[in-house]
Amino acid sequence: MLRLENLSIEVGGKRILQNVNLHVREGEVCVLFGPNGSGKTSLLMTILGNPRYKVCSGRILFKGKDITDLPTQERVRMGMGIAFQNPAKLTNVNFAELLRYCATVGNKSEEEIHEYAKMLGIEGLLERKLNVGFSGGELKRSELLQLMLMNPDFVMLDEPDSGIDIDSMALIGKVINELLEREREKGERKKAGIIITHTGHILEHVSVDYGMILYRGRMIRVENPSDILEAISRDGYEEVYEECLKLSQN
């Protein structure tokens, strides 16, 4: 589904990531860990094609096609979707109008807009301006509603568990599982995705296949995300990364 090959990224002339490699197969979901400033969000923005993030070397393959130079809208048409950590507040955009556009992209109906909004508990926000006056939990639900309507094949979630209360966590986890087809048998899953998390709370509600640590501009794979998260909380990224690096080299 997605392959990053020796990807190096600059933002404003500053090198952010160096020779990053990542392979997410169809039906797989990986969780991405890393300290603040490690480049996790920058990586997602680059995958999405944000022009602010310059690819210096390497390439991005999506569904077997080199999309390194494709604009964002083409990547979205191919089946990419993202839920931002801090989505923009737009006073000139009506939420319901945006949802209708998302529904057109995902071939969803007007009825499904209201059905999903009701399920997420934000049906009362549809006639408001996009994200204006939304609480932290409502912002997360707004982003997930847009993704559900767009129905992308590859989903990127930037800290879906930040800024929400415990009661909302289970609901958001349920929606993410549905969005990523986590409830299906493994052989039937078609969608794939990347989840960024600092707290790891979302892992209590969403199953993932493996984890990645992004540290010092390098990416390393870990097989048990829950154990790694516990080790990071106890020992810090430096020690855990070095230990994982040794294991990968043996």
C-alpha atoms as a PDB file:
ATOM      1  CA  MET A   1       0.000   0.000   0.000  1.00  0.00           C
ATOM      2  CA  LEU A   2       2.724   2.477   1.009  1.00  0.00           C
ATOM      3  CA  ARG A   3       6.483   2.329   0.712  1.00  0.00           C
ATOM      4  CA  LEU A   4       8.988   5.027   1.673  1.00  0.00           C
ATOM      5  CA  GLU A   5      12.453   4.434   0.262  1.00  0.00           C
ATOM      6  CA  ASN A   6      15.418   6.337   1.755  1.00  0.00           C
ATOM      7  CA  LEU A   7      13.250   9.414   2.175  1.00  0.00           C
ATOM      8  CA  SER A   8      14.969  12.653   3.247  1.00  0.00           C
ATOM      9  CA  ILE A   9      12.936  15.787   3.974  1.00  0.00           C
ATOM     10  CA  GLU A  10      13.665  19.498   4.371  1.00  0.00           C
ATOM     11  CA  VAL A  11      11.449  22.249   5.756  1.00  0.00           C
ATOM     12  CA  GLY A  12      12.564  25.822   5.168  1.00  0.00           C
ATOM     13  CA  GLY A  13      16.029  24.651   4.204  1.00  0.00           C
ATOM     14  CA  LYS A  14      16.440  22.582   7.389  1.00  0.00           C
ATOM     15  CA  ARG A  15      16.855  18.808   7.146  1.00  0.00           C
ATOM     16  CA  ILE A  16      14.119  17.140   9.221  1.00  0.00           C
ATOM     17  CA  LEU A  17      14.370  13.470   8.270  1.00  0.00           C
ATOM     18  CA  GLN A  18      17.195  11.457   6.744  1.00  0.00           C
ATOM     19  CA  ASN A  19      16.918   8.173   4.807  1.00  0.00           C
ATOM     20  CA  VAL A  20      13.609   7.057   6.305  1.00  0.00           C
ATOM     21  CA  ASN A  21      12.271   3.686   5.164  1.00  0.00           C
ATOM     22  CA  LEU A  22       8.778   2.377   5.821  1.00  0.00           C
ATOM     23  CA  HIS A  23       6.620  -0.357   4.295  1.00  0.00           C
ATOM     24  CA  VAL A  24       2.913  -0.654   5.129  1.00  0.00           C
ATOM     25  CA  ARG A  25       1.163  -3.534   3.388  1.00  0.00           C
ATOM     26  CA  GLU A  26      -2.489  -3.731   2.469  1.00  0.00           C
ATOM     27  CA  GLY A  27      -4.497  -4.519   5.602  1.00  0.00           C
ATOM     28  CA  GLU A  28      -1.743  -3.390   8.006  1.00  0.00           C
ATOM     29  CA  VAL A  29      -1.838  -0.600  10.571  1.00  0.00           C
ATOM     30  CA  CYS A  30       1.314   0.622  12.263  1.00  0.00           C
ATOM     31  CA  VAL A  31       1.711   2.963  15.212  1.00  0.00           C
ATOM     32  CA  LEU A  32       4.446   5.592  15.135  1.00  0.00           C
ATOM     33  CA  PHE A  33       6.252   6.696  18.302  1.00  0.00           C
ATOM     34  CA  GLY A  34       8.789   9.466  18.722  1.00  0.00           C
ATOM     35  CA  PRO A  35       9.588  12.416  20.992  1.00  0.00           C
ATOM     36  CA  ASN A  36       8.347  15.932  20.236  1.00  0.00           C
ATOM     37  CA  GLY A  37      10.218  17.407  17.303  1.00  0.00           C
ATOM     38  CA  SER A  38      11.286  14.041  15.903  1.00  0.00           C
ATOM     39  CA  GLY A  39       9.455  14.658  12.633  1.00  0.00           C
ATOM     40  CA  LYS A  40       6.393  12.420  12.965  1.00  0.00           C
ATOM     41  CA  THR A  41       3.883  14.987  11.753  1.00  0.00           C
ATOM     42  CA  SER A  42       6.342  16.171   9.101  1.00  0.00           C
ATOM     43  CA  LEU A  43       6.464  12.627   7.796  1.00  0.00           C
ATOM     44  CA  LEU A  44       2.672  12.454   7.438  1.00  0.00           C
ATOM     45  CA  MET A  45       2.594  15.854   5.749  1.00  0.00           C
ATOM     46  CA  THR A  46       5.206  14.677   3.273  1.00  0.00           C
ATOM     47  CA  ILE A  47       3.283  11.484   2.522  1.00  0.00           C
ATOM     48  CA  LEU A  48       0.189  13.627   1.897  1.00  0.00           C
ATOM     49  CA  GLY A  49       2.149  15.911  -0.440  1.00  0.00           C
ATOM     50  CA  ASN A  50       2.171  19.205   1.486  1.00  0.00           C
ATOM     51  CA  PRO A  51       4.441  21.422  -0.660  1.00  0.00           C
ATOM     52  CA  ARG A  52       6.035  22.978   2.433  1.00  0.00           C
ATOM     53  CA  TYR A  53       7.869  19.688   2.982  1.00  0.00           C
ATOM     54  CA  LYS A  54      10.549  19.189   0.358  1.00  0.00           C
ATOM     55  CA  VAL A  55      11.693  15.702  -0.595  1.00  0.00           C
ATOM     56  CA  CYS A  56      15.465  15.982  -0.995  1.00  0.00           C
ATOM     57  CA  SER A  57      16.064  12.357  -1.883  1.00  0.00           C
ATOM     58  CA  GLY A  58      14.296   9.023  -1.962  1.00  0.00           C
ATOM     59  CA  ARG A  59      10.766   8.365  -3.104  1.00  0.00           C
ATOM     60  CA  ILE A  60       7.206   7.623  -1.999  1.00  0.00           C
ATOM     61  CA  LEU A  61       5.319   4.712  -3.557  1.00  0.00           C
ATOM     62  CA  PHE A  62       1.560   4.356  -3.075  1.00  0.00           C
ATOM     63  CA  LYS A  63      -0.272   1.348  -4.469  1.00  0.00           C
ATOM     64  CA  GLY A  64       2.822   0.584  -6.520  1.00  0.00           C
ATOM     65  CA  LYS A  65       2.988   4.032  -8.143  1.00  0.00           C
ATOM     66  CA  ASP A  66       5.698   6.643  -7.555  1.00  0.00           C
ATOM     67  CA  ILE A  67       3.803   9.645  -6.140  1.00  0.00           C
ATOM     68  CA  THR A  68       6.829  11.633  -4.920  1.00  0.00           C
ATOM     69  CA  ASP A  69       5.997  14.570  -7.187  1.00  0.00           C
ATOM     70  CA  LEU A  70       2.211  14.279  -7.243  1.00  0.00           C
ATOM     71  CA  PRO A  71       0.148  17.127  -5.700  1.00  0.00           C
ATOM     72  CA  THR A  72      -1.986  16.485  -2.631  1.00  0.00           C
ATOM     73  CA  GLN A  73      -5.289  16.374  -4.498  1.00  0.00           C
ATOM     74  CA  GLU A  74      -4.035  13.546  -6.699  1.00  0.00           C
ATOM     75  CA  ARG A  75      -2.951  11.539  -3.661  1.00  0.00           C
ATOM     76  CA  VAL A  76      -6.366  12.044  -2.074  1.00  0.00           C
ATOM     77  CA  ARG A  77      -8.049  10.864  -5.277  1.00  0.00           C
ATOM     78  CA  MET A  78      -5.865   7.747  -5.142  1.00  0.00           C
ATOM     79  CA  GLY A  79      -7.202   6.954  -1.667  1.00  0.00           C
ATOM     80  CA  MET A  80      -5.232   8.825   1.004  1.00  0.00           C
ATOM     81  CA  GLY A  81      -6.865  10.490   3.985  1.00  0.00           C
ATOM     82  CA  ILE A  82      -5.645  12.206   7.160  1.00  0.00           C
ATOM     83  CA  ALA A  83      -6.979  13.369  10.513  1.00  0.00           C
ATOM     84  CA  PHE A  84      -4.890  16.302  11.704  1.00  0.00           C
ATOM     85  CA  GLN A  85      -3.769  16.782  15.287  1.00  0.00           C
ATOM     86  CA  ASN A  86      -4.698  20.480  15.209  1.00  0.00           C
ATOM     87  CA  PRO A  87      -7.153  21.071  12.342  1.00  0.00           C
ATOM     88  CA  ALA A  88      -7.695  24.591  11.088  1.00  0.00           C
ATOM     89  CA  LYS A  89     -10.649  26.698  12.164  1.00  0.00           C
ATOM     90  CA  LEU A  90     -12.268  28.197   9.065  1.00  0.00           C
ATOM     91  CA  THR A  91     -14.920  30.892   9.561  1.00  0.00           C
ATOM     92  CA  ASN A  92     -15.749  30.967   5.842  1.00  0.00           C
ATOM     93  CA  VAL A  93     -16.440  27.218   5.509  1.00  0.00           C
ATOM     94  CA  ASN A  94     -19.712  25.637   6.578  1.00  0.00           C
ATOM     95  CA  PHE A  95     -19.159  22.230   8.201  1.00  0.00           C
ATOM     96  CA  ALA A  96     -22.144  20.616   6.453  1.00  0.00           C
ATOM     97  CA  GLU A  97     -20.978  21.841   3.037  1.00  0.00           C
ATOM     98  CA  LEU A  98     -17.538  20.331   3.598  1.00  0.00           C
ATOM     99  CA  LEU A  99     -19.124  17.043   4.668  1.00  0.00           C
ATOM    100  CA  ARG A 100     -21.174  16.944   1.482  1.00  0.00           C
ATOM    101  CA  TYR A 101     -17.981  17.323  -0.523  1.00  0.00           C
ATOM    102  CA  CYS A 102     -16.344  14.518   1.505  1.00  0.00           C
ATOM    103  CA  ALA A 103     -19.389  12.345   0.880  1.00  0.00           C
ATOM    104  CA  THR A 104     -19.044  12.964  -2.860  1.00  0.00           C
ATOM    105  CA  VAL A 105     -15.408  11.835  -2.736  1.00  0.00           C
ATOM    106  CA  GLY A 106     -16.324   8.650  -0.847  1.00  0.00           C
ATOM    107  CA  ASN A 107     -19.571   7.985  -2.728  1.00  0.00           C
ATOM    108  CA  LYS A 108     -21.626   8.375   0.443  1.00  0.00           C
ATOM    109  CA  SER A 109     -25.192   9.662   0.742  1.00  0.00           C
ATOM    110  CA  GLU A 110     -26.769  12.581   2.612  1.00  0.00           C
ATOM    111  CA  GLU A 111     -28.363  10.037   4.935  1.00  0.00           C
ATOM    112  CA  GLU A 112     -24.964   8.597   5.782  1.00  0.00           C
ATOM    113  CA  ILE A 113     -23.670  12.061   6.686  1.00  0.00           C
ATOM    114  CA  HIS A 114     -26.335  12.336   9.379  1.00  0.00           C
ATOM    115  CA  GLU A 115     -25.997   8.682  10.399  1.00  0.00           C
ATOM    116  CA  TYR A 116     -22.233   9.007  11.010  1.00  0.00           C
ATOM    117  CA  ALA A 117     -22.602  12.418  12.669  1.00  0.00           C
ATOM    118  CA  LYS A 118     -25.201  11.007  15.053  1.00  0.00           C
ATOM    119  CA  MET A 119     -22.994   8.018  15.833  1.00  0.00           C
ATOM    120  CA  LEU A 120     -20.153  10.425  16.708  1.00  0.00           C
ATOM    121  CA  GLY A 121     -22.453  12.676  18.737  1.00  0.00           C
ATOM    122  CA  ILE A 122     -21.823  15.821  16.676  1.00  0.00           C
ATOM    123  CA  GLU A 123     -24.993  16.085  14.580  1.00  0.00           C
ATOM    124  CA  GLY A 124     -25.746  19.398  16.294  1.00  0.00           C
ATOM    125  CA  LEU A 125     -22.545  20.930  14.893  1.00  0.00           C
ATOM    126  CA  LEU A 126     -23.286  20.444  11.198  1.00  0.00           C
ATOM    127  CA  GLU A 127     -24.556  23.963  10.515  1.00  0.00           C
ATOM    128  CA  ARG A 128     -21.659  25.659  12.259  1.00  0.00           C
ATOM    129  CA  LYS A 129     -18.473  27.000  10.737  1.00  0.00           C
ATOM    130  CA  LEU A 130     -15.725  24.426  10.403  1.00  0.00           C
ATOM    131  CA  ASN A 131     -14.142  23.671  13.800  1.00  0.00           C
ATOM    132  CA  VAL A 132     -15.031  27.122  15.186  1.00  0.00           C
ATOM    133  CA  GLY A 133     -15.853  26.774  18.880  1.00  0.00           C
ATOM    134  CA  PHE A 134     -15.413  23.002  18.790  1.00  0.00           C
ATOM    135  CA  SER A 135     -14.041  21.323  21.916  1.00  0.00           C
ATOM    136  CA  GLY A 136     -10.960  19.091  21.699  1.00  0.00           C
ATOM    137  CA  GLY A 137     -13.103  15.978  21.504  1.00  0.00           C
ATOM    138  CA  GLU A 138     -15.408  17.552  18.912  1.00  0.00           C
ATOM    139  CA  LEU A 139     -12.405  18.418  16.740  1.00  0.00           C
ATOM    140  CA  LYS A 140     -11.295  14.785  16.768  1.00  0.00           C
ATOM    141  CA  ARG A 141     -14.800  13.603  15.928  1.00  0.00           C
ATOM    142  CA  SER A 142     -15.082  16.166  13.154  1.00  0.00           C
ATOM    143  CA  GLU A 143     -11.902  14.862  11.544  1.00  0.00           C
ATOM    144  CA  LEU A 144     -13.039  11.248  11.849  1.00  0.00           C
ATOM    145  CA  LEU A 145     -16.443  12.082  10.357  1.00  0.00           C
ATOM    146  CA  GLN A 146     -14.758  13.594   7.310  1.00  0.00           C
ATOM    147  CA  LEU A 147     -12.600  10.483   6.911  1.00  0.00           C
ATOM    148  CA  MET A 148     -15.566   8.129   7.263  1.00  0.00           C
ATOM    149  CA  LEU A 149     -17.345   9.957   4.459  1.00  0.00           C
ATOM    150  CA  MET A 150     -14.271  10.070   2.206  1.00  0.00           C
ATOM    151  CA  ASN A 151     -13.652   6.359   2.877  1.00  0.00           C
ATOM    152  CA  PRO A 152      -9.909   6.376   2.028  1.00  0.00           C
ATOM    153  CA  ASP A 153      -7.860   3.223   1.495  1.00  0.00           C
ATOM    154  CA  PHE A 154      -4.907   4.601   3.467  1.00  0.00           C
ATOM    155  CA  VAL A 155      -5.610   6.466   6.703  1.00  0.00           C
ATOM    156  CA  MET A 156      -3.188   8.657   8.662  1.00  0.00           C
ATOM    157  CA  LEU A 157      -4.166   9.665  12.203  1.00  0.00           C
ATOM    158  CA  ASP A 158      -2.060  12.281  13.981  1.00  0.00           C
ATOM    159  CA  GLU A 159      -2.518  11.802  17.739  1.00  0.00           C
ATOM    160  CA  PRO A 160      -6.217  10.852  17.729  1.00  0.00           C
ATOM    161  CA  ASP A 161      -6.043  10.331  21.513  1.00  0.00           C
ATOM    162  CA  SER A 162      -4.795  13.804  22.471  1.00  0.00           C
ATOM    163  CA  GLY A 163      -7.119  16.319  24.116  1.00  0.00           C
ATOM    164  CA  ILE A 164     -10.055  13.959  24.647  1.00  0.00           C
ATOM    165  CA  ASP A 165     -11.642  12.542  27.789  1.00  0.00           C
ATOM    166  CA  ILE A 166     -11.842   8.888  28.784  1.00  0.00           C
ATOM    167  CA  ASP A 167     -15.495   8.576  27.797  1.00  0.00           C
ATOM    168  CA  SER A 168     -14.747   9.784  24.264  1.00  0.00           C
ATOM    169  CA  MET A 169     -11.739   7.484  23.877  1.00  0.00           C
ATOM    170  CA  ALA A 170     -13.766   4.287  23.520  1.00  0.00           C
ATOM    171  CA  LEU A 171     -16.065   5.835  20.919  1.00  0.00           C
ATOM    172  CA  ILE A 172     -13.183   7.239  18.900  1.00  0.00           C
ATOM    173  CA  GLY A 173     -11.434   3.884  19.102  1.00  0.00           C
ATOM    174  CA  LYS A 174     -14.566   2.145  17.825  1.00  0.00           C
ATOM    175  CA  VAL A 175     -14.818   4.542  14.874  1.00  0.00           C
ATOM    176  CA  ILE A 176     -11.140   4.133  14.022  1.00  0.00           C
ATOM    177  CA  ASN A 177     -11.504   0.347  14.098  1.00  0.00           C
ATOM    178  CA  GLU A 178     -14.411   0.607  11.680  1.00  0.00           C
ATOM    179  CA  LEU A 179     -12.564   3.081   9.468  1.00  0.00           C
ATOM    180  CA  LEU A 180      -9.520   0.804   9.311  1.00  0.00           C
ATOM    181  CA  GLU A 181     -11.578  -2.390   9.044  1.00  0.00           C
ATOM    182  CA  ARG A 182      -9.994  -3.729  12.223  1.00  0.00           C
ATOM    183  CA  GLU A 183     -13.087  -5.803  12.961  1.00  0.00           C
ATOM    184  CA  ARG A 184     -12.692  -7.842   9.777  1.00  0.00           C
ATOM    185  CA  GLU A 185     -10.691 -11.004   9.500  1.00  0.00           C
ATOM    186  CA  LYS A 186      -7.082 -10.277   8.647  1.00  0.00           C
ATOM    187  CA  GLY A 187      -7.328 -11.845   5.211  1.00  0.00           C
ATOM    188  CA  GLU A 188     -10.323  -9.645   4.370  1.00  0.00           C
ATOM    189  CA  ARG A 189      -8.789  -6.305   5.350  1.00  0.00           C
ATOM    190  CA  LYS A 190      -8.015  -3.982   2.465  1.00  0.00           C
ATOM    191  CA  LYS A 191      -7.290  -0.680   4.181  1.00  0.00           C
ATOM    192  CA  ALA A 192      -4.052   0.343   5.829  1.00  0.00           C
ATOM    193  CA  GLY A 193      -2.832   3.181   7.987  1.00  0.00           C
ATOM    194  CA  ILE A 194      -0.436   4.948  10.321  1.00  0.00           C
ATOM    195  CA  ILE A 195      -1.352   6.167  13.812  1.00  0.00           C
ATOM    196  CA  ILE A 196       0.817   8.652  15.709  1.00  0.00           C
ATOM    197  CA  THR A 197       0.429   8.566  19.499  1.00  0.00           C
ATOM    198  CA  HIS A 198       2.313   9.995  22.473  1.00  0.00           C
ATOM    199  CA  THR A 199       0.199   8.644  25.304  1.00  0.00           C
ATOM    200  CA  GLY A 200      -0.606   5.262  23.773  1.00  0.00           C
ATOM    201  CA  HIS A 201      -4.181   5.437  25.134  1.00  0.00           C
ATOM    202  CA  ILE A 202      -5.612   4.704  21.701  1.00  0.00           C
ATOM    203  CA  LEU A 203      -3.872   1.313  21.723  1.00  0.00           C
ATOM    204  CA  GLU A 204      -6.306   0.210  24.421  1.00  0.00           C
ATOM    205  CA  HIS A 205      -9.101   0.503  21.854  1.00  0.00           C
ATOM    206  CA  VAL A 206      -7.477   0.037  18.425  1.00  0.00           C
ATOM    207  CA  SER A 207      -5.475  -2.998  17.367  1.00  0.00           C
ATOM    208  CA  VAL A 208      -2.284  -2.394  15.394  1.00  0.00           C
ATOM    209  CA  ASP A 209       0.058  -4.817  13.650  1.00  0.00           C
ATOM    210  CA  TYR A 210       3.414  -3.355  14.639  1.00  0.00           C
ATOM    211  CA  GLY A 211       5.123  -0.177  15.775  1.00  0.00           C
ATOM    212  CA  MET A 212       7.826   2.168  14.506  1.00  0.00           C
ATOM    213  CA  ILE A 213      10.087   4.474  16.483  1.00  0.00           C
ATOM    214  CA  LEU A 214      11.236   7.682  14.792  1.00  0.00           C
ATOM    215  CA  TYR A 215      14.284   9.034  16.589  1.00  0.00           C
ATOM    216  CA  ARG A 216      17.256  11.081  15.455  1.00  0.00           C
ATOM    217  CA  GLY A 217      15.859  11.095  11.965  1.00  0.00           C
ATOM    218  CA  ARG A 218      15.903   7.307  11.702  1.00  0.00           C
ATOM    219  CA  MET A 219      13.078   4.786  11.710  1.00  0.00           C
ATOM    220  CA  ILE A 220      13.201   1.381  13.348  1.00  0.00           C
ATOM    221  CA  ARG A 221      10.505  -1.301  13.516  1.00  0.00           C
ATOM    222  CA  VAL A 222       9.262  -2.865  16.755  1.00  0.00           C
ATOM    223  CA  GLU A 223       6.975  -5.874  16.943  1.00  0.00           C
ATOM    224  CA  ASN A 224       5.119  -5.243  20.200  1.00  0.00           C
ATOM    225  CA  PRO A 225       3.960  -1.612  20.469  1.00  0.00           C
ATOM    226  CA  SER A 226       2.458  -1.948  23.959  1.00  0.00           C
ATOM    227  CA  ASP A 227       5.696  -3.272  25.445  1.00  0.00           C
ATOM    228  CA  ILE A 228       7.715  -0.590  23.674  1.00  0.00           C
ATOM    229  CA  LEU A 229       5.410   2.156  24.926  1.00  0.00           C
ATOM    230  CA  GLU A 230       5.842   0.894  28.479  1.00  0.00           C
ATOM    231  CA  ALA A 231       9.634   0.836  28.046  1.00  0.00           C
ATOM    232  CA  ILE A 232       9.651   4.357  26.601  1.00  0.00           C
ATOM    233  CA  SER A 233       7.634   5.638  29.562  1.00  0.00           C
ATOM    234  CA  ARG A 234      10.076   3.958  31.951  1.00  0.00           C
ATOM    235  CA  ASP A 235      13.468   4.436  30.277  1.00  0.00           C
ATOM    236  CA  GLY A 236      13.061   7.187  27.669  1.00  0.00           C
ATOM    237  CA  TYR A 237      13.547   7.154  23.908  1.00  0.00           C
ATOM    238  CA  GLU A 238      17.344   7.134  23.893  1.00  0.00           C
ATOM    239  CA  GLU A 239      17.737   3.858  25.757  1.00  0.00           C
ATOM    240  CA  VAL A 240      14.800   2.115  24.077  1.00  0.00           C
ATOM    241  CA  TYR A 241      15.895   3.142  20.588  1.00  0.00           C
ATOM    242  CA  GLU A 242      19.453   1.931  21.137  1.00  0.00           C
ATOM    243  CA  GLU A 243      18.176  -1.396  22.469  1.00  0.00           C
ATOM    244  CA  CYS A 244      15.819  -1.847  19.500  1.00  0.00           C
ATOM    245  CA  LEU A 245      18.645  -0.952  17.141  1.00  0.00           C
ATOM    246  CA  LYS A 246      20.878  -3.648  18.647  1.00  0.00           C
ATOM    247  CA  LEU A 247      18.100  -6.236  18.349  1.00  0.00           C
ATOM    248  CA  SER A 248      17.486  -5.336  14.701  1.00  0.00           C
ATOM    249  CA  GLN A 249      21.167  -5.772  13.888  1.00  0.00           C
ATOM    250  CA  ASN A 250      21.446  -9.215  15.519  1.00  0.00           C
END
